[in-house]
């Protein structure tokens, strides 16, 4: 027979039990529906401003958030072929763009921090489209 022991633990004020996986250091994670509107850079900049004001993507600049949103729309709607500059960049950047394109319009997951450098570079290239 296994012995068990029950004890109470004291938790700090403001402690919350999370019922789903979340990024909690600094800001909040969010998943956006991919929309055709996000092909417009001004719409992406406005969305990024709103997200940052509402506590999302705190460790990213407004432009970085907008570039990620825009890139997912560009690669999702048009594919990596829509960004001709990919042919001349580091293969890791091209692979990241191809991966984003393969996800299609599955949504845009934004965390509180920037992604890996090669994904960020793929976002920047799409920003020029």
N, C-alpha and C. Protein backbone atom coordinates (compact mmCIF):
# COMPACT_ATOMS: atom_id res chain seq x y z
N UNK A 1 0.83 -1.17 0.00
CA UNK A 1 0.00 0.00 0.00
C UNK A 1 0.89 1.24 0.00
N UNK A 2 0.59 2.19 -0.93
CA UNK A 2 1.38 3.40 -1.06
C UNK A 2 0.90 4.44 -0.06
N UNK A 3 1.83 5.07 0.62
CA UNK A 3 1.48 6.11 1.57
C UNK A 3 1.38 7.44 0.85
N UNK A 4 0.40 8.23 1.16
CA UNK A 4 0.27 9.56 0.58
C UNK A 4 0.18 10.59 1.70
N UNK A 5 0.46 11.80 1.33
CA UNK A 5 0.42 12.87 2.31
C UNK A 5 -0.17 14.11 1.64
N UNK A 6 -1.11 14.74 2.28
CA UNK A 6 -1.70 15.95 1.75
C UNK A 6 -1.27 17.13 2.59
N UNK A 7 -0.89 18.21 1.91
CA UNK A 7 -0.52 19.43 2.59
C UNK A 7 -1.07 20.60 1.80
N UNK A 8 -1.22 21.69 2.46
CA UNK A 8 -1.62 22.93 1.79
C UNK A 8 -0.38 23.72 1.44
N UNK A 9 -0.45 24.44 0.33
CA UNK A 9 0.64 25.34 0.00
C UNK A 9 0.09 26.76 -0.08
N UNK A 10 0.90 27.69 0.31
CA UNK A 10 0.52 29.09 0.24
C UNK A 10 0.99 29.65 -1.09
N UNK A 11 0.10 30.31 -1.79
CA UNK A 11 0.42 30.89 -3.09
C UNK A 11 0.43 32.41 -2.97
N UNK A 12 1.23 33.07 -3.79
CA UNK A 12 1.27 34.53 -3.72
C UNK A 12 -0.04 35.16 -4.16
N UNK A 13 -0.29 36.37 -3.68
CA UNK A 13 -1.49 37.11 -4.07
C UNK A 13 -1.44 37.31 -5.59
N UNK A 14 -2.54 37.15 -6.26
CA UNK A 14 -2.59 37.31 -7.70
C UNK A 14 -2.29 36.04 -8.47
N UNK A 15 -2.06 34.95 -7.77
CA UNK A 15 -1.76 33.67 -8.43
C UNK A 15 -2.98 33.23 -9.23
N UNK A 16 -2.74 32.76 -10.45
CA UNK A 16 -3.83 32.25 -11.28
C UNK A 16 -3.47 30.87 -11.80
N UNK A 17 -4.43 30.01 -11.89
CA UNK A 17 -4.24 28.72 -12.51
C UNK A 17 -4.58 28.89 -13.98
N UNK A 18 -3.65 28.53 -14.85
CA UNK A 18 -3.89 28.65 -16.28
C UNK A 18 -4.57 27.39 -16.78
N UNK A 19 -5.62 27.58 -17.56
CA UNK A 19 -6.32 26.42 -18.09
C UNK A 19 -5.90 26.11 -19.52
N UNK A 20 -4.95 26.86 -20.04
CA UNK A 20 -4.42 26.58 -21.36
C UNK A 20 -2.99 27.07 -21.41
N UNK A 21 -2.26 26.63 -22.40
CA UNK A 21 -0.87 27.02 -22.54
C UNK A 21 -0.80 28.47 -22.99
N UNK A 22 -0.08 29.30 -22.27
CA UNK A 22 0.07 30.71 -22.61
C UNK A 22 1.50 31.15 -22.38
N UNK A 23 1.90 32.15 -23.14
CA UNK A 23 3.16 32.80 -22.83
C UNK A 23 2.82 33.89 -21.82
N UNK A 24 3.45 33.86 -20.66
CA UNK A 24 3.05 34.80 -19.62
C UNK A 24 4.17 35.76 -19.23
N UNK A 25 5.34 35.60 -19.77
CA UNK A 25 6.44 36.48 -19.39
C UNK A 25 6.38 37.76 -20.21
N UNK A 26 5.93 38.82 -19.62
CA UNK A 26 5.95 40.12 -20.26
C UNK A 26 4.68 40.48 -20.99
N UNK A 27 4.06 39.60 -21.67
CA UNK A 27 2.88 39.92 -22.45
C UNK A 27 2.03 38.69 -22.66
N UNK A 28 1.19 38.76 -23.66
CA UNK A 28 0.30 37.64 -23.94
C UNK A 28 0.45 37.18 -25.37
N UNK A 29 0.20 35.92 -25.60
CA UNK A 29 0.22 35.37 -26.96
C UNK A 29 -1.18 35.52 -27.55
N UNK A 30 -1.23 35.60 -28.87
CA UNK A 30 -2.52 35.73 -29.55
C UNK A 30 -2.40 35.07 -30.93
N UNK A 31 -3.49 34.52 -31.40
CA UNK A 31 -3.55 34.00 -32.76
C UNK A 31 -4.59 34.80 -33.52
N UNK A 32 -4.17 35.37 -34.63
CA UNK A 32 -5.07 36.16 -35.47
C UNK A 32 -5.53 35.33 -36.65
N UNK A 33 -6.73 35.57 -37.08
CA UNK A 33 -7.24 34.98 -38.31
C UNK A 33 -6.54 35.67 -39.47
N UNK A 34 -6.03 34.95 -40.45
CA UNK A 34 -5.40 35.57 -41.61
C UNK A 34 -6.51 36.22 -42.45
N UNK A 35 -6.29 37.49 -42.78
CA UNK A 35 -7.29 38.24 -43.55
C UNK A 35 -6.63 38.90 -44.75
N UNK A 36 -7.38 39.05 -45.80
CA UNK A 36 -6.87 39.71 -47.00
C UNK A 36 -6.46 41.15 -46.70
N UNK A 37 -7.12 41.78 -45.73
CA UNK A 37 -6.78 43.16 -45.33
C UNK A 37 -5.31 43.28 -44.92
N UNK A 38 -4.74 42.19 -44.41
CA UNK A 38 -3.36 42.23 -43.93
C UNK A 38 -2.34 42.29 -45.06
N UNK A 39 -2.79 42.29 -46.31
CA UNK A 39 -1.89 42.53 -47.43
C UNK A 39 -1.56 44.02 -47.53
N UNK A 40 -2.31 44.84 -46.81
CA UNK A 40 -2.10 46.29 -46.76
C UNK A 40 -1.24 46.62 -45.54
N UNK A 41 -0.08 47.25 -45.77
CA UNK A 41 0.85 47.56 -44.69
C UNK A 41 0.25 48.52 -43.65
N UNK A 42 -0.55 49.48 -44.10
CA UNK A 42 -1.16 50.43 -43.16
C UNK A 42 -2.12 49.73 -42.21
N UNK A 43 -2.85 48.75 -42.72
CA UNK A 43 -3.75 47.97 -41.88
C UNK A 43 -2.94 47.18 -40.85
N UNK A 44 -1.82 46.62 -41.29
CA UNK A 44 -0.95 45.85 -40.38
C UNK A 44 -0.35 46.74 -39.30
N UNK A 45 0.06 47.93 -39.67
CA UNK A 45 0.62 48.87 -38.69
C UNK A 45 -0.44 49.28 -37.66
N UNK A 46 -1.67 49.50 -38.13
CA UNK A 46 -2.75 49.86 -37.22
C UNK A 46 -3.08 48.70 -36.28
N UNK A 47 -3.10 47.48 -36.80
CA UNK A 47 -3.37 46.30 -35.98
C UNK A 47 -2.26 46.12 -34.95
N UNK A 48 -1.01 46.31 -35.37
CA UNK A 48 0.13 46.18 -34.46
C UNK A 48 0.04 47.21 -33.33
N UNK A 49 -0.35 48.41 -33.66
CA UNK A 49 -0.49 49.46 -32.63
C UNK A 49 -1.54 49.04 -31.61
N UNK A 50 -2.67 48.56 -32.09
CA UNK A 50 -3.75 48.12 -31.20
C UNK A 50 -3.28 46.95 -30.32
N UNK A 51 -2.61 45.97 -30.91
CA UNK A 51 -2.15 44.81 -30.16
C UNK A 51 -1.19 45.21 -29.04
N UNK A 52 -0.25 46.08 -29.37
CA UNK A 52 0.73 46.51 -28.37
C UNK A 52 0.05 47.30 -27.24
N UNK A 53 -0.91 48.14 -27.59
CA UNK A 53 -1.63 48.90 -26.56
C UNK A 53 -2.43 47.97 -25.65
N UNK A 54 -2.84 46.83 -26.20
CA UNK A 54 -3.65 45.89 -25.44
C UNK A 54 -2.80 44.83 -24.71
N UNK A 55 -1.48 44.99 -24.72
CA UNK A 55 -0.60 44.12 -23.94
C UNK A 55 -0.04 42.92 -24.67
N UNK A 56 -0.13 42.90 -25.99
CA UNK A 56 0.44 41.80 -26.77
C UNK A 56 1.79 42.23 -27.36
N UNK A 57 2.65 41.28 -27.63
CA UNK A 57 3.91 41.51 -28.36
C UNK A 57 4.75 42.63 -27.73
N UNK A 58 4.87 42.62 -26.41
CA UNK A 58 5.54 43.71 -25.71
C UNK A 58 7.03 43.81 -26.01
N UNK A 59 7.67 42.72 -26.37
CA UNK A 59 9.10 42.74 -26.64
C UNK A 59 9.42 42.86 -28.13
N UNK A 60 8.46 43.37 -28.88
CA UNK A 60 8.64 43.60 -30.31
C UNK A 60 8.24 45.04 -30.60
N UNK A 61 8.82 45.61 -31.66
CA UNK A 61 8.40 46.95 -32.06
C UNK A 61 7.10 46.84 -32.86
N UNK A 62 6.45 47.97 -33.00
CA UNK A 62 5.21 48.00 -33.79
C UNK A 62 5.48 47.52 -35.22
N UNK A 63 6.58 47.97 -35.79
CA UNK A 63 6.92 47.57 -37.16
C UNK A 63 7.19 46.07 -37.25
N UNK A 64 7.86 45.50 -36.28
CA UNK A 64 8.13 44.06 -36.29
C UNK A 64 6.84 43.25 -36.24
N UNK A 65 5.89 43.70 -35.44
CA UNK A 65 4.59 43.02 -35.35
C UNK A 65 3.88 43.14 -36.70
N UNK A 66 3.86 44.35 -37.26
CA UNK A 66 3.19 44.57 -38.54
C UNK A 66 3.82 43.74 -39.65
N UNK A 67 5.15 43.64 -39.65
CA UNK A 67 5.84 42.85 -40.68
C UNK A 67 5.47 41.38 -40.59
N UNK A 68 5.35 40.86 -39.37
CA UNK A 68 4.99 39.45 -39.22
C UNK A 68 3.57 39.20 -39.70
N UNK A 69 2.66 40.08 -39.35
CA UNK A 69 1.26 39.94 -39.79
C UNK A 69 1.19 40.00 -41.31
N UNK A 70 1.83 40.99 -41.88
CA UNK A 70 1.82 41.18 -43.34
C UNK A 70 2.45 39.98 -44.06
N UNK A 71 3.57 39.49 -43.54
CA UNK A 71 4.25 38.37 -44.18
C UNK A 71 3.36 37.12 -44.22
N UNK A 72 2.66 36.86 -43.14
CA UNK A 72 1.77 35.69 -43.13
C UNK A 72 0.68 35.84 -44.19
N UNK A 73 0.20 37.05 -44.39
CA UNK A 73 -0.82 37.26 -45.43
C UNK A 73 -0.20 37.09 -46.82
N UNK A 74 0.95 37.68 -47.05
CA UNK A 74 1.61 37.58 -48.37
C UNK A 74 1.90 36.12 -48.71
N UNK A 75 2.58 35.42 -47.79
CA UNK A 75 2.93 34.02 -48.06
C UNK A 75 1.69 33.13 -48.10
N UNK A 76 0.70 33.45 -47.27
CA UNK A 76 -0.52 32.64 -47.24
C UNK A 76 -1.36 32.76 -48.49
N UNK A 77 -1.52 33.99 -48.98
CA UNK A 77 -2.36 34.21 -50.16
C UNK A 77 -1.63 33.97 -51.47
N UNK A 78 -0.34 34.34 -51.53
CA UNK A 78 0.38 34.28 -52.80
C UNK A 78 1.50 33.26 -52.87
N UNK A 79 1.93 32.74 -51.72
CA UNK A 79 3.03 31.78 -51.71
C UNK A 79 4.38 32.48 -51.72
N UNK A 80 5.42 31.70 -51.49
CA UNK A 80 6.77 32.25 -51.42
C UNK A 80 7.23 32.81 -52.76
N UNK A 81 6.65 32.34 -53.86
CA UNK A 81 7.03 32.83 -55.18
C UNK A 81 6.71 34.31 -55.36
N UNK A 82 5.85 34.85 -54.51
CA UNK A 82 5.49 36.27 -54.59
C UNK A 82 6.62 37.18 -54.11
N UNK A 83 7.65 36.59 -53.50
CA UNK A 83 8.77 37.37 -52.97
C UNK A 83 10.03 36.98 -53.74
N UNK A 84 10.28 37.63 -54.89
CA UNK A 84 11.41 37.23 -55.73
C UNK A 84 12.76 37.33 -55.04
N UNK A 85 12.91 38.21 -54.07
CA UNK A 85 14.19 38.38 -53.38
C UNK A 85 14.61 37.13 -52.62
N UNK A 86 13.69 36.21 -52.37
CA UNK A 86 14.03 34.97 -51.64
C UNK A 86 15.06 34.13 -52.38
N UNK A 87 15.11 34.29 -53.70
CA UNK A 87 16.04 33.48 -54.50
C UNK A 87 17.50 33.84 -54.22
N UNK A 88 17.73 35.00 -53.65
CA UNK A 88 19.11 35.46 -53.46
C UNK A 88 19.55 35.51 -52.00
N UNK A 89 18.74 34.96 -51.11
CA UNK A 89 19.07 35.07 -49.68
C UNK A 89 19.54 33.74 -49.10
N UNK A 90 19.91 33.79 -47.85
CA UNK A 90 20.31 32.61 -47.10
C UNK A 90 19.25 31.52 -47.25
N UNK A 91 19.64 30.27 -47.48
CA UNK A 91 18.66 29.19 -47.64
C UNK A 91 17.72 29.02 -46.44
N UNK A 92 18.19 29.36 -45.25
CA UNK A 92 17.32 29.23 -44.06
C UNK A 92 16.15 30.22 -44.14
N UNK A 93 16.40 31.40 -44.70
CA UNK A 93 15.35 32.40 -44.86
C UNK A 93 14.33 31.91 -45.89
N UNK A 94 14.82 31.39 -47.00
CA UNK A 94 13.93 30.86 -48.04
C UNK A 94 13.11 29.68 -47.52
N UNK A 95 13.73 28.83 -46.73
CA UNK A 95 13.02 27.69 -46.14
C UNK A 95 11.94 28.16 -45.17
N UNK A 96 12.25 29.18 -44.38
CA UNK A 96 11.25 29.73 -43.45
C UNK A 96 10.06 30.29 -44.21
N UNK A 97 10.33 30.99 -45.30
CA UNK A 97 9.25 31.55 -46.12
C UNK A 97 8.40 30.44 -46.72
N UNK A 98 9.05 29.39 -47.21
CA UNK A 98 8.33 28.26 -47.79
C UNK A 98 7.45 27.58 -46.75
N UNK A 99 7.96 27.48 -45.54
CA UNK A 99 7.18 26.87 -44.45
C UNK A 99 5.94 27.71 -44.14
N UNK A 100 6.12 29.02 -44.04
CA UNK A 100 4.98 29.90 -43.76
C UNK A 100 3.95 29.77 -44.88
N UNK A 101 4.43 29.74 -46.12
CA UNK A 101 3.53 29.58 -47.27
C UNK A 101 2.80 28.25 -47.22
N UNK A 102 3.48 27.20 -46.76
CA UNK A 102 2.85 25.87 -46.71
C UNK A 102 1.72 25.81 -45.68
N UNK A 103 1.81 26.66 -44.66
CA UNK A 103 0.74 26.71 -43.67
C UNK A 103 -0.51 27.39 -44.23
N UNK A 104 -0.33 28.09 -45.33
CA UNK A 104 -1.47 28.74 -45.96
C UNK A 104 -2.09 29.79 -45.08
N UNK A 105 -3.39 29.70 -44.91
CA UNK A 105 -4.14 30.71 -44.17
C UNK A 105 -4.59 30.18 -42.81
N UNK A 106 -3.73 29.38 -42.18
CA UNK A 106 -4.05 28.75 -40.90
C UNK A 106 -4.13 29.71 -39.72
N UNK A 107 -3.73 30.94 -39.91
CA UNK A 107 -3.74 31.89 -38.81
C UNK A 107 -2.34 32.39 -38.50
N UNK A 108 -2.27 33.43 -37.70
CA UNK A 108 -1.01 34.08 -37.37
C UNK A 108 -0.82 34.02 -35.86
N UNK A 109 0.14 33.25 -35.42
CA UNK A 109 0.42 33.12 -33.99
C UNK A 109 1.51 34.11 -33.61
N UNK A 110 1.16 35.03 -32.74
CA UNK A 110 2.11 36.04 -32.28
C UNK A 110 2.42 35.81 -30.82
N UNK A 111 3.69 35.71 -30.51
CA UNK A 111 4.12 35.60 -29.12
C UNK A 111 4.56 36.96 -28.62
N UNK A 112 5.28 36.96 -27.54
CA UNK A 112 5.73 38.22 -26.95
C UNK A 112 7.10 38.62 -27.47
N UNK A 113 7.81 37.71 -28.11
CA UNK A 113 9.16 37.98 -28.59
C UNK A 113 9.25 37.74 -30.09
N UNK A 114 10.30 38.29 -30.67
CA UNK A 114 10.54 38.05 -32.09
C UNK A 114 10.84 36.57 -32.32
N UNK A 115 10.57 36.11 -33.53
CA UNK A 115 10.89 34.74 -33.92
C UNK A 115 12.40 34.64 -34.22
N UNK A 116 12.81 33.47 -34.66
CA UNK A 116 14.20 33.24 -35.03
C UNK A 116 14.59 34.21 -36.15
N UNK A 117 15.88 34.50 -36.24
CA UNK A 117 16.36 35.52 -37.17
C UNK A 117 15.96 35.25 -38.62
N UNK A 118 15.97 33.98 -39.03
CA UNK A 118 15.66 33.66 -40.42
C UNK A 118 14.18 33.87 -40.75
N UNK A 119 13.31 33.67 -39.75
CA UNK A 119 11.89 33.97 -39.97
C UNK A 119 11.68 35.48 -40.04
N UNK A 120 12.36 36.21 -39.16
CA UNK A 120 12.26 37.68 -39.17
C UNK A 120 12.73 38.23 -40.52
N UNK A 121 13.79 37.67 -41.06
CA UNK A 121 14.28 38.10 -42.37
C UNK A 121 13.24 37.80 -43.46
N UNK A 122 12.58 36.66 -43.36
CA UNK A 122 11.52 36.33 -44.33
C UNK A 122 10.36 37.33 -44.22
N UNK A 123 10.05 37.77 -43.00
CA UNK A 123 9.00 38.78 -42.79
C UNK A 123 9.41 40.10 -43.44
N UNK A 124 10.67 40.48 -43.25
CA UNK A 124 11.15 41.75 -43.81
C UNK A 124 11.10 41.74 -45.33
N UNK A 125 11.44 40.60 -45.94
CA UNK A 125 11.40 40.52 -47.40
C UNK A 125 9.96 40.64 -47.91
N UNK A 126 9.03 40.05 -47.21
CA UNK A 126 7.62 40.14 -47.62
C UNK A 126 7.09 41.56 -47.46
N UNK A 127 7.66 42.30 -46.52
CA UNK A 127 7.23 43.69 -46.28
C UNK A 127 7.44 44.55 -47.52
N UNK A 128 8.40 44.18 -48.35
CA UNK A 128 8.69 44.94 -49.57
C UNK A 128 7.78 44.57 -50.73
N UNK A 129 6.87 43.64 -50.52
CA UNK A 129 5.96 43.21 -51.60
C UNK A 129 4.68 44.02 -51.54
